[in-house]
Structure formats: C-alpha cells, structure tokens
Amino acid sequence: MTDFILNLIQSWGYVGIFILMFLENVFPPIPSEVIMGLGGIAVAKGHFDFWTLVAVAVAGTTAGNWIWYGIGRWIGYERLKPFIDRHGRWLTLDWSEVERLHAFFLKYGPAIVFVARFMPVARTMVSLPAGMVKMNQAKFLVWTAAGSTIWIAALAGAGNWFGGKFANLDAFVGPVALVAIGSLVALYIYRVITWKTKQTS
C-alpha cells in the first residue's frame, strides 16, 4: 500500500495526490494519514509547495465525498430500510439506530459533516446520510472542504515537520500504516461478531 502511494506521488506529483485523496474517500481503507504524511515529507524535501499540496488534497477529498453524497441522494432514506433489514449485521446498524441518526442529522447536519472530517472512516461515510437527508449540496461541499482543510493541513504539516527533522522517515510510514489499517479491520470484525440487533420485532 505504501509503495503504491509513494510511486503515485513520485510519478504523478499533484495529480497523484488528487487521485489518492479521491480514492481515499471512495475506498476508505486507503488512509489519508499516510497519503498526507508522505506528502508533507515531500514538502520537506522540496518536491511540493505546502499550500498547493493542501489545496489539491482538499479538492480530491471533497470530490470523493461528493460521490458518496450523490449515492446517498439517489438511494434516499426511505429505500434504505430493506437493505438495513437484510444486511444490518455487516454495517453493524439496525433500523432503530438509522432512524436516530437520521433525526440527529436533520438537526445538526452541517456540524456533523464538519466534525466527521477528523474521524477515520466516519469522514467518508458521513457523506452518505448527508445525501439521504438531501442536505443542501452547496453547504455539504463547503463544510466538507472546511473540515478537510484543517485536517489535511495538520497531517501535511506533521509530515513536513518530521520530514525536516529525520532522514528517511518515509521508511517508517509503511509499518505504521499497516498497524493502523490492521487495527481498523480488527475493530470492524469484532463489531460484526458481537453485533446484535436492538429491534424487538
């Protein structure tokens, strides 16, 4: 995974960053922490301009989230129930939880979209309910970009700082990424195994 990210960044430059951040939000297992950490290291080495890197990454992540928003808008809230009833275990959700999330999202949608940008997995999946409740598209894009800018700048800044302090830091990113991804997968498997529906009928 890390080699793929490094090769794309080295070969495609800013376009590679855009593609990676787009894919990170379409396929969540590709971690933005690794992408932007390596991007920040590239800034420290003089290969990228910091704010251009951030702007391109924000554009990619916003575009990726817009895909999930569109899917959610197409599915709609009402059409989701049969899917949840059949596949709720794999999402670790039942319909009562979806209803609570739906009501909460209707009330606090923009704030949820903004805050979720700082949370692994949630930063992608929050776009689905945003589309389902038909959140104003301009607001969705603005709040997604706003939260993403802070998160991406922090990640790239950390990579830039560490890259300037330690030589060959990118050699350590791969093992850290594997541990992070493995932890997320283990957590998901645990939730699937231990999940029980709260519905009584």
N, C-alpha and C. Protein backbone atom coordinates (compact mmCIF):
# COMPACT_ATOMS: atom_id res chain seq x y z
N MET A 1 0.82 -1.21 0.00
CA MET A 1 0.00 0.00 0.00
C MET A 1 0.86 1.26 0.00
N THR A 2 1.86 1.30 0.91
CA THR A 2 2.72 2.47 1.00
C THR A 2 3.54 2.65 -0.27
N ASP A 3 4.01 1.56 -0.84
CA ASP A 3 4.78 1.64 -2.09
C ASP A 3 3.92 2.20 -3.21
N PHE A 4 2.66 1.76 -3.27
CA PHE A 4 1.73 2.27 -4.29
C PHE A 4 1.56 3.78 -4.14
N ILE A 5 1.36 4.24 -2.90
CA ILE A 5 1.17 5.66 -2.64
C ILE A 5 2.43 6.44 -3.01
N LEU A 6 3.58 5.95 -2.59
CA LEU A 6 4.84 6.63 -2.90
C LEU A 6 5.08 6.72 -4.40
N ASN A 7 4.85 5.63 -5.10
CA ASN A 7 5.08 5.61 -6.55
C ASN A 7 4.16 6.59 -7.27
N LEU A 8 2.89 6.64 -6.82
CA LEU A 8 1.95 7.55 -7.48
C LEU A 8 2.32 9.01 -7.21
N ILE A 9 2.74 9.30 -5.99
CA ILE A 9 3.15 10.67 -5.65
C ILE A 9 4.39 11.06 -6.45
N GLN A 10 5.36 10.17 -6.52
CA GLN A 10 6.60 10.47 -7.22
C GLN A 10 6.40 10.60 -8.73
N SER A 11 5.53 9.77 -9.29
CA SER A 11 5.34 9.75 -10.74
C SER A 11 4.37 10.83 -11.23
N TRP A 12 3.33 11.11 -10.43
CA TRP A 12 2.26 11.99 -10.90
C TRP A 12 2.19 13.32 -10.17
N GLY A 13 2.99 13.49 -9.14
CA GLY A 13 3.02 14.77 -8.43
C GLY A 13 1.68 15.14 -7.83
N TYR A 14 1.26 16.40 -8.07
CA TYR A 14 0.00 16.89 -7.51
C TYR A 14 -1.20 16.09 -8.03
N VAL A 15 -1.13 15.66 -9.28
CA VAL A 15 -2.23 14.84 -9.83
C VAL A 15 -2.34 13.54 -9.05
N GLY A 16 -1.20 12.96 -8.68
CA GLY A 16 -1.20 11.75 -7.87
C GLY A 16 -1.84 11.98 -6.51
N ILE A 17 -1.56 13.14 -5.90
CA ILE A 17 -2.17 13.49 -4.61
C ILE A 17 -3.69 13.59 -4.76
N PHE A 18 -4.14 14.25 -5.82
CA PHE A 18 -5.58 14.38 -6.05
C PHE A 18 -6.23 13.00 -6.19
N ILE A 19 -5.62 12.15 -7.00
CA ILE A 19 -6.17 10.81 -7.23
C ILE A 19 -6.22 10.01 -5.93
N LEU A 20 -5.14 10.06 -5.15
CA LEU A 20 -5.08 9.30 -3.91
C LEU A 20 -6.12 9.79 -2.90
N MET A 21 -6.28 11.11 -2.78
CA MET A 21 -7.25 11.63 -1.82
C MET A 21 -8.68 11.38 -2.29
N PHE A 22 -8.88 11.37 -3.60
CA PHE A 22 -10.19 11.00 -4.14
C PHE A 22 -10.50 9.54 -3.80
N LEU A 23 -9.53 8.66 -4.07
CA LEU A 23 -9.73 7.24 -3.80
C LEU A 23 -9.88 6.96 -2.31
N GLU A 24 -9.18 7.73 -1.47
CA GLU A 24 -9.25 7.53 -0.02
C GLU A 24 -10.67 7.72 0.48
N ASN A 25 -11.43 8.57 -0.20
CA ASN A 25 -12.80 8.84 0.22
C ASN A 25 -13.82 7.97 -0.50
N VAL A 26 -13.41 7.28 -1.53
CA VAL A 26 -14.29 6.32 -2.20
C VAL A 26 -14.04 4.93 -1.62
N PHE A 27 -12.77 4.62 -1.32
CA PHE A 27 -12.37 3.35 -0.71
C PHE A 27 -11.64 3.66 0.59
N PRO A 28 -12.37 3.77 1.72
CA PRO A 28 -11.79 4.24 2.98
C PRO A 28 -10.53 3.54 3.46
N PRO A 29 -10.26 2.24 3.13
CA PRO A 29 -9.02 1.63 3.63
C PRO A 29 -7.73 2.32 3.20
N ILE A 30 -7.79 3.16 2.14
CA ILE A 30 -6.61 3.93 1.78
C ILE A 30 -6.53 5.12 2.73
N PRO A 31 -5.56 5.16 3.66
CA PRO A 31 -5.59 6.16 4.74
C PRO A 31 -5.02 7.52 4.34
N SER A 32 -5.80 8.57 4.59
CA SER A 32 -5.32 9.92 4.29
C SER A 32 -4.13 10.29 5.17
N GLU A 33 -4.06 9.69 6.38
CA GLU A 33 -2.93 9.97 7.26
C GLU A 33 -1.61 9.62 6.59
N VAL A 34 -1.58 8.50 5.89
CA VAL A 34 -0.36 8.08 5.21
C VAL A 34 -0.12 8.95 3.97
N ILE A 35 -1.17 9.18 3.20
CA ILE A 35 -1.02 9.98 1.97
C ILE A 35 -0.47 11.36 2.29
N MET A 36 -1.11 12.06 3.24
CA MET A 36 -0.70 13.42 3.54
C MET A 36 0.60 13.46 4.36
N GLY A 37 0.84 12.41 5.15
CA GLY A 37 2.12 12.33 5.84
C GLY A 37 3.27 12.27 4.85
N LEU A 38 3.11 11.42 3.84
CA LEU A 38 4.13 11.31 2.79
C LEU A 38 4.19 12.58 1.95
N GLY A 39 3.02 13.20 1.72
CA GLY A 39 3.01 14.48 1.00
C GLY A 39 3.78 15.55 1.76
N GLY A 40 3.59 15.58 3.08
CA GLY A 40 4.33 16.54 3.91
C GLY A 40 5.82 16.29 3.88
N ILE A 41 6.21 15.02 3.88
CA ILE A 41 7.64 14.68 3.78
C ILE A 41 8.19 15.18 2.44
N ALA A 42 7.38 15.05 1.37
CA ALA A 42 7.80 15.55 0.06
C ALA A 42 7.97 17.06 0.07
N VAL A 43 7.13 17.76 0.85
CA VAL A 43 7.30 19.21 1.00
C VAL A 43 8.64 19.51 1.66
N ALA A 44 8.96 18.75 2.71
CA ALA A 44 10.23 18.96 3.41
C ALA A 44 11.43 18.74 2.49
N LYS A 45 11.26 17.85 1.52
CA LYS A 45 12.34 17.56 0.57
C LYS A 45 12.35 18.51 -0.62
N GLY A 46 11.39 19.45 -0.64
CA GLY A 46 11.36 20.45 -1.70
C GLY A 46 10.63 20.03 -2.96
N HIS A 47 9.88 18.92 -2.91
CA HIS A 47 9.19 18.43 -4.10
C HIS A 47 7.81 19.08 -4.30
N PHE A 48 7.21 19.56 -3.21
CA PHE A 48 5.88 20.18 -3.27
C PHE A 48 5.89 21.52 -2.55
N ASP A 49 4.97 22.40 -2.97
CA ASP A 49 4.65 23.59 -2.19
C ASP A 49 3.56 23.22 -1.20
N PHE A 50 3.70 23.63 0.05
CA PHE A 50 2.79 23.18 1.11
C PHE A 50 1.34 23.51 0.80
N TRP A 51 1.02 24.77 0.51
CA TRP A 51 -0.38 25.17 0.35
C TRP A 51 -0.97 24.68 -0.95
N THR A 52 -0.14 24.50 -1.96
CA THR A 52 -0.64 23.88 -3.19
C THR A 52 -1.00 22.42 -2.93
N LEU A 53 -0.15 21.74 -2.16
CA LEU A 53 -0.43 20.36 -1.76
C LEU A 53 -1.76 20.27 -1.01
N VAL A 54 -1.96 21.17 -0.05
CA VAL A 54 -3.20 21.16 0.74
C VAL A 54 -4.41 21.41 -0.15
N ALA A 55 -4.31 22.40 -1.04
CA ALA A 55 -5.44 22.75 -1.91
C ALA A 55 -5.82 21.58 -2.82
N VAL A 56 -4.82 20.93 -3.40
CA VAL A 56 -5.08 19.79 -4.29
C VAL A 56 -5.70 18.64 -3.51
N ALA A 57 -5.17 18.38 -2.31
CA ALA A 57 -5.69 17.30 -1.48
C ALA A 57 -7.13 17.57 -1.06
N VAL A 58 -7.44 18.81 -0.70
CA VAL A 58 -8.81 19.17 -0.32
C VAL A 58 -9.75 18.99 -1.51
N ALA A 59 -9.31 19.37 -2.69
CA ALA A 59 -10.13 19.18 -3.89
C ALA A 59 -10.41 17.70 -4.12
N GLY A 60 -9.40 16.86 -3.97
CA GLY A 60 -9.57 15.41 -4.16
C GLY A 60 -10.51 14.80 -3.15
N THR A 61 -10.33 15.17 -1.88
CA THR A 61 -11.17 14.58 -0.83
C THR A 61 -12.61 15.06 -0.93
N THR A 62 -12.81 16.31 -1.33
CA THR A 62 -14.17 16.83 -1.49
C THR A 62 -14.87 16.15 -2.66
N ALA A 63 -14.13 15.93 -3.74
CA ALA A 63 -14.71 15.23 -4.90
C ALA A 63 -15.09 13.80 -4.53
N GLY A 64 -14.24 13.12 -3.77
CA GLY A 64 -14.55 11.76 -3.35
C GLY A 64 -15.78 11.70 -2.47
N ASN A 65 -15.91 12.65 -1.56
CA ASN A 65 -17.09 12.70 -0.69
C ASN A 65 -18.35 13.03 -1.46
N TRP A 66 -18.21 13.83 -2.51
CA TRP A 66 -19.37 14.18 -3.33
C TRP A 66 -19.95 12.95 -4.01
N ILE A 67 -19.11 11.96 -4.34
CA ILE A 67 -19.60 10.70 -4.91
C ILE A 67 -20.53 10.00 -3.93
N TRP A 68 -20.11 9.87 -2.66
CA TRP A 68 -20.95 9.22 -1.65
C TRP A 68 -22.22 10.04 -1.38
N TYR A 69 -22.09 11.35 -1.40
CA TYR A 69 -23.26 12.21 -1.23
C TYR A 69 -24.29 11.93 -2.34
N GLY A 70 -23.79 11.83 -3.58
CA GLY A 70 -24.68 11.55 -4.71
C GLY A 70 -25.34 10.19 -4.60
N ILE A 71 -24.58 9.18 -4.13
CA ILE A 71 -25.15 7.85 -3.93
C ILE A 71 -26.26 7.90 -2.87
N GLY A 72 -25.98 8.60 -1.76
CA GLY A 72 -26.98 8.72 -0.72
C GLY A 72 -28.22 9.44 -1.18
N ARG A 73 -28.06 10.46 -1.98
CA ARG A 73 -29.21 11.21 -2.51
C ARG A 73 -30.02 10.33 -3.46
N TRP A 74 -29.33 9.50 -4.23
CA TRP A 74 -30.02 8.61 -5.18
C TRP A 74 -30.78 7.51 -4.43
N ILE A 75 -30.15 6.93 -3.40
CA ILE A 75 -30.82 5.87 -2.64
C ILE A 75 -32.01 6.42 -1.89
N GLY A 76 -31.79 7.53 -1.17
CA GLY A 76 -32.86 8.10 -0.36
C GLY A 76 -33.06 7.35 0.94
N TYR A 77 -33.61 8.05 1.90
CA TYR A 77 -33.80 7.47 3.24
C TYR A 77 -34.81 6.32 3.22
N GLU A 78 -35.91 6.50 2.51
CA GLU A 78 -36.99 5.51 2.54
C GLU A 78 -36.58 4.17 1.93
N ARG A 79 -35.73 4.20 0.92
CA ARG A 79 -35.33 2.97 0.23
C ARG A 79 -34.26 2.20 0.98
N LEU A 80 -33.77 2.75 2.09
CA LEU A 80 -32.67 2.12 2.81
C LEU A 80 -33.13 0.98 3.71
N LYS A 81 -34.38 1.02 4.20
CA LYS A 81 -34.82 0.06 5.21
C LYS A 81 -34.68 -1.41 4.78
N PRO A 82 -35.13 -1.81 3.59
CA PRO A 82 -34.95 -3.21 3.21
C PRO A 82 -33.49 -3.65 3.22
N PHE A 83 -32.60 -2.75 2.81
CA PHE A 83 -31.17 -3.08 2.80
C PHE A 83 -30.65 -3.27 4.23
N ILE A 84 -31.05 -2.38 5.14
CA ILE A 84 -30.61 -2.48 6.54
C ILE A 84 -31.17 -3.74 7.18
N ASP A 85 -32.43 -4.04 6.90
CA ASP A 85 -33.04 -5.25 7.46
C ASP A 85 -32.29 -6.51 7.03
N ARG A 86 -31.77 -6.50 5.82
CA ARG A 86 -31.10 -7.70 5.29
C ARG A 86 -29.61 -7.73 5.64
N HIS A 87 -28.97 -6.57 5.59
CA HIS A 87 -27.51 -6.54 5.71
C HIS A 87 -27.03 -5.73 6.92
N GLY A 88 -27.91 -5.48 7.88
CA GLY A 88 -27.54 -4.64 9.01
C GLY A 88 -26.34 -5.13 9.79
N ARG A 89 -26.19 -6.47 9.89
CA ARG A 89 -25.04 -7.01 10.63
C ARG A 89 -23.72 -6.51 10.05
N TRP A 90 -23.61 -6.46 8.72
CA TRP A 90 -22.34 -6.08 8.10
C TRP A 90 -22.07 -4.59 8.23
N LEU A 91 -23.12 -3.81 8.46
CA LEU A 91 -22.95 -2.39 8.73
C LEU A 91 -22.94 -2.10 10.23
N THR A 92 -23.20 -3.13 11.03
CA THR A 92 -23.37 -3.03 12.49
C THR A 92 -24.38 -1.94 12.84
N LEU A 93 -25.48 -1.93 12.10
CA LEU A 93 -26.57 -0.98 12.31
C LEU A 93 -27.89 -1.71 12.22
N ASP A 94 -28.89 -1.29 13.02
CA ASP A 94 -30.25 -1.74 12.77
C ASP A 94 -31.10 -0.51 12.47
N TRP A 95 -32.35 -0.72 12.11
CA TRP A 95 -33.17 0.38 11.61
C TRP A 95 -33.44 1.43 12.68
N SER A 96 -33.58 1.01 13.95
CA SER A 96 -33.82 1.99 15.01
C SER A 96 -32.64 2.96 15.14
N GLU A 97 -31.43 2.44 14.96
CA GLU A 97 -30.25 3.31 15.01
C GLU A 97 -30.20 4.24 13.81
N VAL A 98 -30.60 3.73 12.65
CA VAL A 98 -30.65 4.57 11.46
C VAL A 98 -31.64 5.71 11.64
N GLU A 99 -32.78 5.41 12.24
CA GLU A 99 -33.80 6.45 12.48
C GLU A 99 -33.27 7.53 13.41
N ARG A 100 -32.55 7.13 14.45
CA ARG A 100 -31.97 8.11 15.38
C ARG A 100 -30.91 8.95 14.68
N LEU A 101 -30.08 8.30 13.89
CA LEU A 101 -29.07 9.04 13.13
C LEU A 101 -29.70 10.01 12.14
N HIS A 102 -30.78 9.57 11.52
CA HIS A 102 -31.48 10.41 10.55
C HIS A 102 -32.01 11.67 11.22
N ALA A 103 -32.67 11.52 12.38
CA ALA A 103 -33.21 12.67 13.09
C ALA A 103 -32.09 13.61 13.56
N PHE A 104 -31.00 13.02 14.04
CA PHE A 104 -29.87 13.82 14.50
C PHE A 104 -29.24 14.59 13.35
N PHE A 105 -29.16 13.94 12.19
CA PHE A 105 -28.53 14.56 11.03
C PHE A 105 -29.39 15.71 10.50
N LEU A 106 -30.71 15.54 10.54
CA LEU A 106 -31.60 16.61 10.10
C LEU A 106 -31.40 17.87 10.93
N LYS A 107 -31.09 17.69 12.21
CA LYS A 107 -30.94 18.82 13.12
C LYS A 107 -29.55 19.44 13.08
N TYR A 108 -28.52 18.59 12.96
CA TYR A 108 -27.15 19.09 13.09
C TYR A 108 -26.28 18.75 11.88
N GLY A 109 -26.87 18.58 10.71
CA GLY A 109 -26.14 18.12 9.53
C GLY A 109 -24.83 18.81 9.23
N PRO A 110 -24.80 20.14 9.06
CA PRO A 110 -23.54 20.80 8.72
C PRO A 110 -22.44 20.59 9.75
N ALA A 111 -22.81 20.65 11.03
CA ALA A 111 -21.80 20.46 12.09
C ALA A 111 -21.27 19.03 12.07
N ILE A 112 -22.14 18.05 11.81
CA ILE A 112 -21.71 16.65 11.75
C ILE A 112 -20.74 16.45 10.60
N VAL A 113 -21.05 17.01 9.43
CA VAL A 113 -20.18 16.89 8.26
C VAL A 113 -18.81 17.48 8.57
N PHE A 114 -18.79 18.62 9.24
CA PHE A 114 -17.53 19.29 9.57
C PHE A 114 -16.70 18.47 10.56
N VAL A 115 -17.32 18.06 11.66
CA VAL A 115 -16.60 17.34 12.72
C VAL A 115 -16.14 15.97 12.23
N ALA A 116 -16.95 15.32 11.40
CA ALA A 116 -16.60 13.97 10.93
C ALA A 116 -15.33 13.94 10.10
N ARG A 117 -14.91 15.08 9.58
CA ARG A 117 -13.68 15.13 8.79
C ARG A 117 -12.45 14.74 9.59
N PHE A 118 -12.56 14.79 10.93
CA PHE A 118 -11.42 14.47 11.78
C PHE A 118 -11.46 13.03 12.30
N MET A 119 -12.41 12.22 11.81
CA MET A 119 -12.60 10.87 12.32
C MET A 119 -12.37 9.84 11.22
N PRO A 120 -11.53 8.83 11.48
CA PRO A 120 -11.31 7.78 10.48
C PRO A 120 -12.62 7.10 10.11
N VAL A 121 -12.77 6.74 8.84
CA VAL A 121 -13.94 6.06 8.27
C VAL A 121 -15.16 6.96 8.27
N ALA A 122 -15.50 7.56 9.43
CA ALA A 122 -16.67 8.43 9.50
C ALA A 122 -16.57 9.59 8.53
N ARG A 123 -15.36 10.07 8.28
CA ARG A 123 -15.21 11.22 7.39
C ARG A 123 -15.64 10.92 5.97
N THR A 124 -15.64 9.65 5.61
CA THR A 124 -16.16 9.26 4.31
C THR A 124 -17.64 8.92 4.38
N MET A 125 -18.00 8.06 5.34
CA MET A 125 -19.36 7.54 5.38
C MET A 125 -20.39 8.59 5.77
N VAL A 126 -19.97 9.70 6.39
CA VAL A 126 -20.93 10.75 6.75
C VAL A 126 -21.58 11.36 5.51
N SER A 127 -20.93 11.24 4.37
CA SER A 127 -21.48 11.82 3.14
C SER A 127 -22.73 11.08 2.67
N LEU A 128 -22.85 9.80 3.03
CA LEU A 128 -24.00 9.00 2.62
C LEU A 128 -25.28 9.52 3.27
N PRO A 129 -25.35 9.66 4.61
CA PRO A 129 -26.57 10.23 5.20
C PRO A 129 -26.81 11.68 4.80
N ALA A 130 -25.74 12.42 4.53
CA ALA A 130 -25.93 13.81 4.08
C ALA A 130 -26.73 13.84 2.78
N GLY A 131 -26.41 12.91 1.89
CA GLY A 131 -27.17 12.81 0.65
C GLY A 131 -28.58 12.30 0.88
N MET A 132 -28.72 11.34 1.79
CA MET A 132 -30.04 10.74 2.04
C MET A 132 -31.05 11.74 2.59
N VAL A 133 -30.58 12.66 3.45
CA VAL A 133 -31.49 13.67 4.00
C VAL A 133 -31.59 14.88 3.08
N LYS A 134 -30.94 14.78 1.91
CA LYS A 134 -30.97 15.85 0.91
C LYS A 134 -30.47 17.18 1.49
N MET A 135 -29.36 17.08 2.22
CA MET A 135 -28.69 18.29 2.72
C MET A 135 -28.34 19.18 1.54
N ASN A 136 -28.47 20.48 1.71
CA ASN A 136 -28.13 21.43 0.64
C ASN A 136 -26.73 21.12 0.12
N GLN A 137 -26.63 20.95 -1.20
CA GLN A 137 -25.38 20.49 -1.79
C GLN A 137 -24.23 21.48 -1.59
N ALA A 138 -24.54 22.79 -1.71
CA ALA A 138 -23.50 23.80 -1.52
C ALA A 138 -22.98 23.78 -0.09
N LYS A 139 -23.90 23.66 0.88
CA LYS A 139 -23.49 23.58 2.28
C LYS A 139 -22.63 22.34 2.53
N PHE A 140 -23.06 21.23 1.95
CA PHE A 140 -22.30 19.99 2.12
C PHE A 140 -20.86 20.16 1.62
N LEU A 141 -20.71 20.73 0.43
CA LEU A 141 -19.37 20.89 -0.15
C LEU A 141 -18.53 21.88 0.66
N VAL A 142 -19.15 22.97 1.11
CA VAL A 142 -18.42 23.99 1.88
C VAL A 142 -17.93 23.41 3.21
N TRP A 143 -18.82 22.72 3.94
CA TRP A 143 -18.45 22.17 5.24
C TRP A 143 -17.47 21.01 5.10
N THR A 144 -17.61 20.23 4.05
CA THR A 144 -16.65 19.16 3.78
C THR A 144 -15.26 19.75 3.52
N ALA A 145 -15.21 20.76 2.67
CA ALA A 145 -13.93 21.39 2.34
C ALA A 145 -13.32 22.08 3.55
N ALA A 146 -14.16 22.71 4.37
CA ALA A 146 -13.65 23.43 5.55
C ALA A 146 -13.00 22.47 6.54
N GLY A 147 -13.71 21.40 6.88
CA GLY A 147 -13.15 20.41 7.80
C GLY A 147 -11.93 19.73 7.22
N SER A 148 -11.99 19.42 5.94
CA SER A 148 -10.89 18.74 5.27
C SER A 148 -9.63 19.60 5.25
N THR A 149 -9.79 20.91 5.07
CA THR A 149 -8.63 21.81 5.01
C THR A 149 -7.85 21.77 6.31
N ILE A 150 -8.58 21.82 7.44
CA ILE A 150 -7.91 21.79 8.75
C ILE A 150 -7.18 20.46 8.96
N TRP A 151 -7.89 19.35 8.69
CA TRP A 151 -7.33 18.03 8.91
C TRP A 151 -6.13 17.77 7.99
N ILE A 152 -6.28 18.09 6.71
CA ILE A 152 -5.22 17.84 5.74
C ILE A 152 -4.00 18.72 6.02
N ALA A 153 -4.23 19.99 6.37
CA ALA A 153 -3.10 20.88 6.69
C ALA A 153 -2.34 20.37 7.91
N ALA A 154 -3.08 19.84 8.90
CA ALA A 154 -2.42 19.30 10.10
C ALA A 154 -1.57 18.08 9.76
N LEU A 155 -2.12 17.18 8.94
CA LEU A 155 -1.37 15.98 8.56
C LEU A 155 -0.14 16.33 7.73
N ALA A 156 -0.35 17.20 6.74
CA ALA A 156 0.78 17.59 5.89
C ALA A 156 1.83 18.36 6.69
N GLY A 157 1.36 19.19 7.63
CA GLY A 157 2.28 19.94 8.48
C GLY A 157 3.12 19.01 9.35
N ALA A 158 2.48 17.97 9.89
CA ALA A 158 3.22 16.99 10.70
C ALA A 158 4.26 16.27 9.85
N GLY A 159 3.86 15.86 8.65
CA GLY A 159 4.80 15.19 7.75
C GLY A 159 5.95 16.09 7.36
N ASN A 160 5.64 17.35 7.12
CA ASN A 160 6.67 18.33 6.77
C ASN A 160 7.66 18.52 7.92
N TRP A 161 7.12 18.64 9.15
CA TRP A 161 7.99 18.85 10.32
C TRP A 161 8.88 17.65 10.56
N PHE A 162 8.28 16.46 10.60
CA PHE A 162 9.06 15.25 10.84
C PHE A 162 10.04 14.99 9.70
N GLY A 163 9.58 15.27 8.47
CA GLY A 163 10.46 15.05 7.32
C GLY A 163 11.68 15.94 7.35
N GLY A 164 11.53 17.13 7.94
CA GLY A 164 12.66 18.04 8.05
C GLY A 164 13.58 17.70 9.19
N LYS A 165 13.10 16.91 10.15
CA LYS A 165 13.90 16.58 11.34
C LYS A 165 14.62 15.25 11.22
N PHE A 166 14.00 14.31 10.49
CA PHE A 166 14.55 12.96 10.46
C PHE A 166 14.76 12.49 9.03
N ALA A 167 15.90 11.94 8.74
CA ALA A 167 16.19 11.42 7.41
C ALA A 167 15.49 10.07 7.23
N ASN A 168 15.09 9.81 5.99
CA ASN A 168 14.48 8.52 5.63
C ASN A 168 13.24 8.18 6.47
N LEU A 169 12.50 9.21 6.88
CA LEU A 169 11.32 8.98 7.70
C LEU A 169 10.27 8.15 6.98
N ASP A 170 10.20 8.29 5.64
CA ASP A 170 9.18 7.57 4.88
C ASP A 170 9.35 6.05 4.99
N ALA A 171 10.53 5.58 5.40
CA ALA A 171 10.73 4.14 5.56
C ALA A 171 9.94 3.59 6.73
N PHE A 172 9.57 4.46 7.68
CA PHE A 172 8.83 4.01 8.86
C PHE A 172 7.32 4.14 8.68
N VAL A 173 6.89 4.81 7.64
CA VAL A 173 5.47 5.07 7.46
C VAL A 173 4.72 3.79 7.12
N GLY A 174 5.35 2.93 6.33
CA GLY A 174 4.69 1.69 5.92
C GLY A 174 4.24 0.83 7.09
N PRO A 175 5.14 0.48 8.03
CA PRO A 175 4.72 -0.33 9.18
C PRO A 175 3.63 0.35 10.01
N VAL A 176 3.74 1.67 10.19
CA VAL A 176 2.71 2.39 10.95
C VAL A 176 1.36 2.30 10.25
N ALA A 177 1.38 2.43 8.91
CA ALA A 177 0.14 2.35 8.14
C ALA A 177 -0.48 0.96 8.26
N LEU A 178 0.35 -0.07 8.21
CA LEU A 178 -0.17 -1.44 8.33
C LEU A 178 -0.82 -1.67 9.69
N VAL A 179 -0.21 -1.14 10.74
CA VAL A 179 -0.77 -1.28 12.08
C VAL A 179 -2.12 -0.56 12.16
N ALA A 180 -2.19 0.65 11.60
CA ALA A 180 -3.42 1.43 11.64
C ALA A 180 -4.54 0.73 10.88
N ILE A 181 -4.24 0.25 9.67
CA ILE A 181 -5.24 -0.44 8.87
C ILE A 181 -5.67 -1.74 9.53
N GLY A 182 -4.69 -2.48 10.06
CA GLY A 182 -5.00 -3.73 10.75
C GLY A 182 -5.89 -3.51 11.96
N SER A 183 -5.65 -2.42 12.69
CA SER A 183 -6.47 -2.11 13.86
C SER A 183 -7.91 -1.82 13.46
N LEU A 184 -8.08 -1.06 12.37
CA LEU A 184 -9.43 -0.74 11.90
C LEU A 184 -10.16 -2.00 11.45
N VAL A 185 -9.45 -2.88 10.74
CA VAL A 185 -10.07 -4.13 10.28
C VAL A 185 -10.45 -5.01 11.47
N ALA A 186 -9.57 -5.10 12.46
CA ALA A 186 -9.86 -5.92 13.66
C ALA A 186 -11.06 -5.37 14.41
N LEU A 187 -11.15 -4.04 14.52
CA LEU A 187 -12.29 -3.42 15.21
C LEU A 187 -13.59 -3.73 14.48
N TYR A 188 -13.54 -3.64 13.15
CA TYR A 188 -14.75 -3.94 12.37
C TYR A 188 -15.17 -5.40 12.54
N ILE A 189 -14.22 -6.32 12.46
CA ILE A 189 -14.55 -7.75 12.63
C ILE A 189 -15.15 -8.00 14.01
N TYR A 190 -14.58 -7.37 15.03
CA TYR A 190 -15.12 -7.52 16.39
C TYR A 190 -16.56 -7.03 16.47
N ARG A 191 -16.82 -5.87 15.85
CA ARG A 191 -18.19 -5.32 15.88
C ARG A 191 -19.17 -6.23 15.14
N VAL A 192 -18.75 -6.81 14.03
CA VAL A 192 -19.63 -7.70 13.29
C VAL A 192 -19.94 -8.96 14.11
N ILE A 193 -18.92 -9.52 14.73
CA ILE A 193 -19.10 -10.75 15.51
C ILE A 193 -19.99 -10.52 16.73
N THR A 194 -19.80 -9.40 17.40
CA THR A 194 -20.52 -9.15 18.66
C THR A 194 -21.82 -8.38 18.46
N TRP A 195 -22.13 -7.97 17.23
CA TRP A 195 -23.31 -7.13 16.98
C TRP A 195 -24.60 -7.91 17.16
N LYS A 196 -25.54 -7.27 17.83
CA LYS A 196 -26.88 -7.83 17.98
C LYS A 196 -27.89 -6.73 17.70
N THR A 197 -28.94 -7.05 16.95
CA THR A 197 -29.95 -6.06 16.64
C THR A 197 -30.68 -5.65 17.90
N LYS A 198 -31.05 -4.37 17.96
CA LYS A 198 -31.81 -3.87 19.10
C LYS A 198 -33.30 -3.89 18.82
N GLN A 199 -33.66 -4.32 17.60
CA GLN A 199 -35.07 -4.39 17.25
C GLN A 199 -35.72 -5.58 17.97
N THR A 200 -36.95 -5.41 18.39
CA THR A 200 -37.67 -6.46 19.10
C THR A 200 -38.66 -7.18 18.21
N SER A 201 -38.86 -6.69 17.00
CA SER A 201 -39.82 -7.33 16.09
C SER A 201 -39.17 -7.64 14.77
